[in-house]
């Protein structure tokens, strides 16, 4: 009888696989967050931020200033900035989904030899500078730009003015419209890539089975394709919505006074008002608005996967 020779197993493999990403998050997310949290409850001096803990005569004194959090709740400026950020991030996410889903569907259903080319076209904008692409939209939407001229020739400016996206006919820059165009253009690849990854792995036999059962192509799309791609829709929406909330560059270059977002408020508090505790408080609240719903969503997703298995 031959004895089976067991291969040596690296028992610490699971700990390494889990530990490396965990250490990365601790070093580059949790530790900086603690620093910002500390600043948010500190007192601002003439130049620097005072320490929250001081040692004098053998006594440790802890001074935590929570007035900034109270001020955020009582001041309408911050509430409007948060609400504006959530609104424009949600609209941008919807626009990216509206544009990205058909494109991802077309990519997934195209020939296998053509898919790498289409995927490269989606990633091609990342080969150029982010600032250059945003500045390009300033020229395209400004007076005399060919996009602005085309929109005016098609009388789309009338519809945009009726929707409240522009202030006057033919004026597209520094409006909610220019802001949404810039953000949608920038973040639509983040919607297409997760959708394509899920649609490309879909079992096409399910579509054939639905057709054999008498379902029309439209019914098959809504009852089979869309539910099976829900994970890609959620992943793409998260990848677009979360960075859009804290976006600063695009609102600064393409937006106007009526498109105040929380990223601009944080910038003003840091560099214009030199109030680091207040800026840190705004940033902490913004992180909580993003992380808490995301954590709750991941919890329910994990429970749903456990029930399904």
Protein backbone atom coordinates (compact mmCIF):
# COMPACT_ATOMS: atom_id res chain seq x y z
CA UNK A 1 0.00 0.00 0.00
CA UNK A 2 1.26 3.39 -0.91
CA UNK A 3 0.95 6.17 1.54
CA UNK A 4 -0.42 9.45 0.16
CA UNK A 5 2.16 12.14 0.50
CA UNK A 6 0.55 15.35 1.71
CA UNK A 7 1.91 18.53 0.26
CA UNK A 8 3.12 21.11 2.75
CA UNK A 9 0.59 23.83 3.25
CA UNK A 10 1.36 27.40 4.18
CA UNK A 11 -0.95 27.87 7.12
CA UNK A 12 -0.41 31.60 7.26
CA UNK A 13 -1.60 32.13 3.69
CA UNK A 14 -5.09 33.22 4.70
CA UNK A 15 -3.70 35.67 7.24
CA UNK A 16 -1.34 37.16 4.64
CA UNK A 17 -4.05 37.49 1.98
CA UNK A 18 -6.39 39.22 4.42
CA UNK A 19 -3.71 41.05 6.37
CA UNK A 20 -2.03 42.91 3.49
CA UNK A 21 -5.20 44.77 2.33
CA UNK A 22 -6.17 45.31 5.96
CA UNK A 23 -2.77 46.86 6.73
CA UNK A 24 -3.07 49.01 3.60
CA UNK A 25 -6.45 50.33 4.76
CA UNK A 26 -5.10 51.01 8.24
CA UNK A 27 -2.10 52.91 6.91
CA UNK A 28 -3.74 54.92 4.14
CA UNK A 29 -7.36 55.33 5.27
CA UNK A 30 -7.91 54.74 8.97
CA UNK A 31 -4.78 56.52 10.21
CA UNK A 32 -5.34 59.67 8.08
CA UNK A 33 -9.00 59.63 9.11
CA UNK A 34 -7.98 59.62 12.78
CA UNK A 35 -5.73 62.62 12.13
CA UNK A 36 -8.58 64.52 10.47
CA UNK A 37 -10.93 63.48 13.29
CA UNK A 38 -8.44 64.80 15.83
CA UNK A 39 -8.23 68.14 14.00
CA UNK A 40 -12.03 68.39 13.94
CA UNK A 41 -12.21 68.44 17.76
CA UNK A 42 -9.17 70.67 18.24
CA UNK A 43 -8.80 74.39 18.78
CA UNK A 44 -7.22 76.48 16.03
CA UNK A 45 -4.37 78.69 17.15
CA UNK A 46 -2.80 81.61 15.36
CA UNK A 47 -0.88 79.37 12.96
CA UNK A 48 -1.22 75.74 14.01
CA UNK A 49 -3.82 73.49 15.61
CA UNK A 50 -3.57 72.97 19.37
CA UNK A 51 -3.19 69.44 20.71
CA UNK A 52 -6.29 67.90 22.24
CA UNK A 53 -4.23 66.30 25.03
CA UNK A 54 -1.79 68.25 27.18
CA UNK A 55 0.34 67.20 30.13
CA UNK A 56 0.95 69.67 32.94
CA UNK A 57 2.09 69.01 36.50
CA UNK A 58 1.55 65.29 36.20
CA UNK A 59 -2.00 65.70 34.92
CA UNK A 60 -3.27 64.82 31.45
CA UNK A 61 -5.90 67.25 30.23
CA UNK A 62 -8.12 66.30 27.31
CA UNK A 63 -9.88 69.17 25.54
CA UNK A 64 -12.32 68.14 22.82
CA UNK A 65 -14.10 70.93 20.98
CA UNK A 66 -17.44 69.79 19.54
CA UNK A 67 -18.69 73.28 18.67
CA UNK A 68 -17.83 72.78 15.00
CA UNK A 69 -20.26 69.87 14.72
CA UNK A 70 -22.98 71.93 16.38
CA UNK A 71 -22.26 74.80 14.00
CA UNK A 72 -22.59 72.55 10.94
CA UNK A 73 -26.05 71.47 12.07
CA UNK A 74 -27.19 75.03 12.78
CA UNK A 75 -25.75 76.72 9.64
CA UNK A 76 -27.78 76.40 6.42
CA UNK A 77 -24.69 76.87 4.23
CA UNK A 78 -23.29 73.47 5.04
CA UNK A 79 -26.65 71.73 4.73
CA UNK A 80 -27.18 73.28 1.29
CA UNK A 81 -23.65 72.29 0.22
CA UNK A 82 -24.18 68.69 1.35
CA UNK A 83 -27.60 68.54 -0.32
CA UNK A 84 -26.21 70.06 -3.52
CA UNK A 85 -23.36 67.55 -3.57
CA UNK A 86 -25.72 64.62 -3.11
CA UNK A 87 -28.09 65.97 -5.78
CA UNK A 88 -25.45 66.49 -8.46
CA UNK A 89 -23.76 63.19 -7.60
CA UNK A 90 -27.08 61.34 -7.95
CA UNK A 91 -27.91 63.04 -11.27
CA UNK A 92 -24.42 62.28 -12.58
CA UNK A 93 -24.79 58.64 -11.54
CA UNK A 94 -28.13 58.40 -13.35
CA UNK A 95 -26.66 59.99 -16.50
CA UNK A 96 -23.66 57.65 -16.42
CA UNK A 97 -25.98 54.65 -16.05
CA UNK A 98 -28.18 55.86 -18.91
CA UNK A 99 -25.14 56.24 -21.19
CA UNK A 100 -22.98 53.42 -19.86
CA UNK A 101 -25.46 50.52 -19.79
CA UNK A 102 -26.16 50.46 -23.57
CA UNK A 103 -22.46 50.85 -24.31
CA UNK A 104 -21.50 48.04 -21.91
CA UNK A 105 -24.28 45.85 -23.32
CA UNK A 106 -23.03 46.46 -26.86
CA UNK A 107 -19.47 45.63 -25.79
CA UNK A 108 -20.51 42.40 -24.11
CA UNK A 109 -22.56 41.26 -27.12
CA UNK A 110 -20.01 42.21 -29.79
CA UNK A 111 -17.52 39.79 -31.37
CA UNK A 112 -14.78 38.50 -29.08
CA UNK A 113 -12.14 39.95 -31.41
CA UNK A 114 -13.74 43.41 -31.21
CA UNK A 115 -14.17 43.58 -27.43
CA UNK A 116 -10.53 44.49 -26.61
CA UNK A 117 -10.73 47.42 -29.04
CA UNK A 118 -13.94 48.69 -27.49
CA UNK A 119 -12.47 48.26 -24.02
CA UNK A 120 -9.43 50.28 -25.06
CA UNK A 121 -11.74 53.05 -26.35
CA UNK A 122 -13.35 53.26 -22.92
CA UNK A 123 -9.97 53.50 -21.19
CA UNK A 124 -8.42 55.82 -23.79
CA UNK A 125 -9.39 59.08 -21.98
CA UNK A 126 -7.28 58.00 -18.99
CA UNK A 127 -4.19 58.31 -21.20
CA UNK A 128 -4.51 62.10 -21.12
CA UNK A 129 -4.44 64.51 -18.20
CA UNK A 130 -7.63 64.89 -16.19
CA UNK A 131 -7.20 68.68 -16.09
CA UNK A 132 -6.69 68.90 -19.85
CA UNK A 133 -9.93 67.03 -20.48
CA UNK A 134 -11.87 69.29 -18.12
CA UNK A 135 -10.33 72.41 -19.64
CA UNK A 136 -11.28 71.11 -23.10
CA UNK A 137 -14.94 71.23 -22.10
CA UNK A 138 -14.54 74.90 -21.22
CA UNK A 139 -13.63 75.58 -24.84
CA UNK A 140 -16.36 73.34 -26.20
CA UNK A 141 -19.17 74.86 -24.11
CA UNK A 142 -18.03 78.48 -24.14
CA UNK A 143 -19.36 80.98 -26.66
CA UNK A 144 -18.05 80.02 -30.09
CA UNK A 145 -17.38 76.41 -29.11
CA UNK A 146 -18.72 73.88 -31.57
CA UNK A 147 -20.71 71.99 -28.90
CA UNK A 148 -22.35 75.23 -27.73
CA UNK A 149 -23.07 76.22 -31.35
CA UNK A 150 -24.60 72.80 -32.06
CA UNK A 151 -26.83 72.92 -29.00
CA UNK A 152 -28.01 76.40 -29.94
CA UNK A 153 -28.67 75.39 -33.55
CA UNK A 154 -30.80 72.45 -32.36
CA UNK A 155 -32.65 74.75 -29.89
CA UNK A 156 -31.66 72.47 -27.01
CA UNK A 157 -30.78 75.56 -25.00
CA UNK A 158 -34.50 76.32 -24.74
CA UNK A 159 -35.13 72.95 -23.11
CA UNK A 160 -32.14 73.38 -20.81
CA UNK A 161 -33.32 76.82 -19.75
CA UNK A 162 -36.81 75.47 -19.07
CA UNK A 163 -35.27 72.70 -16.92
CA UNK A 164 -33.26 75.28 -14.95
CA UNK A 165 -29.88 73.89 -16.07
CA UNK A 166 -28.77 77.15 -17.72
CA UNK A 167 -29.55 80.78 -16.89
CA UNK A 168 -30.10 82.11 -20.41
CA UNK A 169 -30.29 80.78 -23.93
CA UNK A 170 -26.87 80.11 -25.43
CA UNK A 171 -24.98 80.45 -22.10
CA UNK A 172 -23.76 77.01 -21.09
CA UNK A 173 -20.61 77.65 -19.05
CA UNK A 174 -20.60 77.99 -15.25
CA UNK A 175 -24.06 76.44 -14.98
CA UNK A 176 -25.44 73.17 -13.60
CA UNK A 177 -25.47 71.91 -17.19
CA UNK A 178 -21.72 72.38 -17.70
CA UNK A 179 -21.06 70.83 -14.30
CA UNK A 180 -23.13 67.72 -15.10
CA UNK A 181 -21.58 67.40 -18.56
CA UNK A 182 -18.06 67.49 -17.13
CA UNK A 183 -18.79 65.05 -14.32
CA UNK A 184 -20.68 62.63 -16.56
CA UNK A 185 -17.92 62.65 -19.16
CA UNK A 186 -15.25 62.08 -16.50
CA UNK A 187 -16.93 59.28 -14.58
CA UNK A 188 -18.83 57.34 -17.25
CA UNK A 189 -15.92 54.86 -17.73
CA UNK A 190 -16.26 53.91 -14.05
CA UNK A 191 -19.84 52.88 -14.83
CA UNK A 192 -19.08 51.05 -18.08
CA UNK A 193 -16.27 48.81 -16.81
CA UNK A 194 -18.18 47.04 -13.96
CA UNK A 195 -21.26 46.67 -16.15
CA UNK A 196 -19.21 45.16 -18.95
CA UNK A 197 -17.52 42.74 -16.52
CA UNK A 198 -20.91 41.41 -15.37
CA UNK A 199 -22.64 41.39 -18.75
CA UNK A 200 -19.73 39.59 -20.43
CA UNK A 201 -19.99 36.71 -17.91
CA UNK A 202 -23.75 36.30 -18.34
CA UNK A 203 -24.94 32.84 -19.39
CA UNK A 204 -26.55 33.38 -22.80
CA UNK A 205 -28.48 30.14 -22.46
CA UNK A 206 -30.82 31.95 -20.09
CA UNK A 207 -31.73 34.35 -22.88
CA UNK A 208 -32.36 31.44 -25.24
CA UNK A 209 -34.55 29.77 -22.64
CA UNK A 210 -36.59 32.94 -22.18
CA UNK A 211 -37.06 33.21 -25.95
CA UNK A 212 -38.14 29.55 -26.14
CA UNK A 213 -40.74 30.26 -23.46
CA UNK A 214 -42.24 33.02 -25.60
CA UNK A 215 -40.67 36.12 -24.08
CA UNK A 216 -40.11 39.04 -26.40
CA UNK A 217 -36.60 40.55 -26.67
CA UNK A 218 -37.75 43.56 -24.62
CA UNK A 219 -39.25 41.34 -21.90
CA UNK A 220 -36.13 39.19 -21.89
CA UNK A 221 -33.97 42.26 -21.41
CA UNK A 222 -35.96 43.59 -18.44
CA UNK A 223 -36.69 40.25 -16.75
CA UNK A 224 -33.42 38.42 -17.36
CA UNK A 225 -30.57 40.70 -18.40
CA UNK A 226 -31.22 43.62 -16.06
CA UNK A 227 -31.74 41.52 -12.88
CA UNK A 228 -28.61 39.48 -13.60
CA UNK A 229 -26.57 42.66 -14.10
CA UNK A 230 -27.85 44.31 -10.90
CA UNK A 231 -24.53 43.73 -9.13
CA UNK A 232 -22.71 45.58 -11.93
CA UNK A 233 -25.22 48.43 -11.77
CA UNK A 234 -24.69 48.79 -8.02
CA UNK A 235 -20.90 48.57 -8.29
CA UNK A 236 -20.78 51.14 -11.10
CA UNK A 237 -23.16 53.46 -9.27
CA UNK A 238 -20.98 53.33 -6.14
CA UNK A 239 -17.82 54.00 -8.16
CA UNK A 240 -19.46 57.09 -9.68
CA UNK A 241 -21.53 58.42 -6.79
CA UNK A 242 -18.88 58.32 -4.05
CA UNK A 243 -16.15 60.39 -5.80
CA UNK A 244 -18.74 62.76 -7.27
CA UNK A 245 -19.90 63.86 -3.81
CA UNK A 246 -16.48 65.21 -2.87
CA UNK A 247 -15.52 66.45 -6.35
CA UNK A 248 -13.72 69.80 -6.34
CA UNK A 249 -11.89 70.34 -9.65
CA UNK A 250 -14.86 69.99 -12.01
CA UNK A 251 -17.22 72.25 -10.01
CA UNK A 252 -14.42 74.80 -9.70
CA UNK A 253 -13.66 74.89 -13.45
CA UNK A 254 -17.07 74.24 -14.99
CA UNK A 255 -19.59 75.06 -12.26
CA UNK A 256 -20.90 78.41 -11.11
CA UNK A 257 -22.09 80.07 -7.90
CA UNK A 258 -25.30 78.06 -7.93
CA UNK A 259 -23.42 74.76 -8.06
CA UNK A 260 -21.72 75.03 -4.67
CA UNK A 261 -20.52 71.60 -3.57
CA UNK A 262 -18.96 70.40 -0.36
CA UNK A 263 -15.51 70.05 -1.90
CA UNK A 264 -15.40 73.80 -2.47
CA UNK A 265 -16.51 74.44 1.13
CA UNK A 266 -13.66 72.28 2.45
CA UNK A 267 -11.17 74.13 0.24
CA UNK A 268 -12.40 77.53 1.46
CA UNK A 269 -12.21 76.48 5.11
CA UNK A 270 -8.68 75.14 4.72
CA UNK A 271 -7.04 77.77 2.53
CA UNK A 272 -9.23 80.90 2.59
CA UNK A 273 -10.38 80.92 6.22
CA UNK A 274 -7.36 78.98 7.56
CA UNK A 275 -9.77 77.12 9.84
CA UNK A 276 -8.42 73.58 9.84
CA UNK A 277 -10.73 72.25 12.59
CA UNK A 278 -13.83 73.42 10.73
CA UNK A 279 -12.57 72.01 7.43
CA UNK A 280 -11.78 68.70 9.15
CA UNK A 281 -15.25 68.64 10.68
CA UNK A 282 -16.85 69.09 7.25
CA UNK A 283 -14.64 66.31 5.86
CA UNK A 284 -15.49 63.93 8.72
CA UNK A 285 -19.23 64.46 8.23
CA UNK A 286 -18.80 63.89 4.50
CA UNK A 287 -16.95 60.62 5.14
CA UNK A 288 -19.70 59.50 7.50
CA UNK A 289 -22.34 60.29 4.88
CA UNK A 290 -20.49 57.99 2.47
CA UNK A 291 -19.13 55.22 4.69
CA UNK A 292 -22.15 54.52 6.88
CA UNK A 293 -24.67 53.85 4.05
CA UNK A 294 -21.99 51.87 2.20
CA UNK A 295 -21.33 49.71 5.27
CA UNK A 296 -25.05 49.08 5.80
CA UNK A 297 -25.44 48.19 2.13
CA UNK A 298 -22.50 45.74 2.26
CA UNK A 299 -23.99 44.15 5.39
CA UNK A 300 -27.33 43.51 3.71
CA UNK A 301 -25.57 42.27 0.56
CA UNK A 302 -23.59 39.75 2.61
CA UNK A 303 -26.76 38.58 4.37
CA UNK A 304 -28.53 38.20 1.02
CA UNK A 305 -25.64 36.10 -0.34
CA UNK A 306 -25.75 33.87 2.75
CA UNK A 307 -29.50 33.33 2.36
CA UNK A 308 -29.08 32.59 -1.34
CA UNK A 309 -26.40 30.01 -0.66
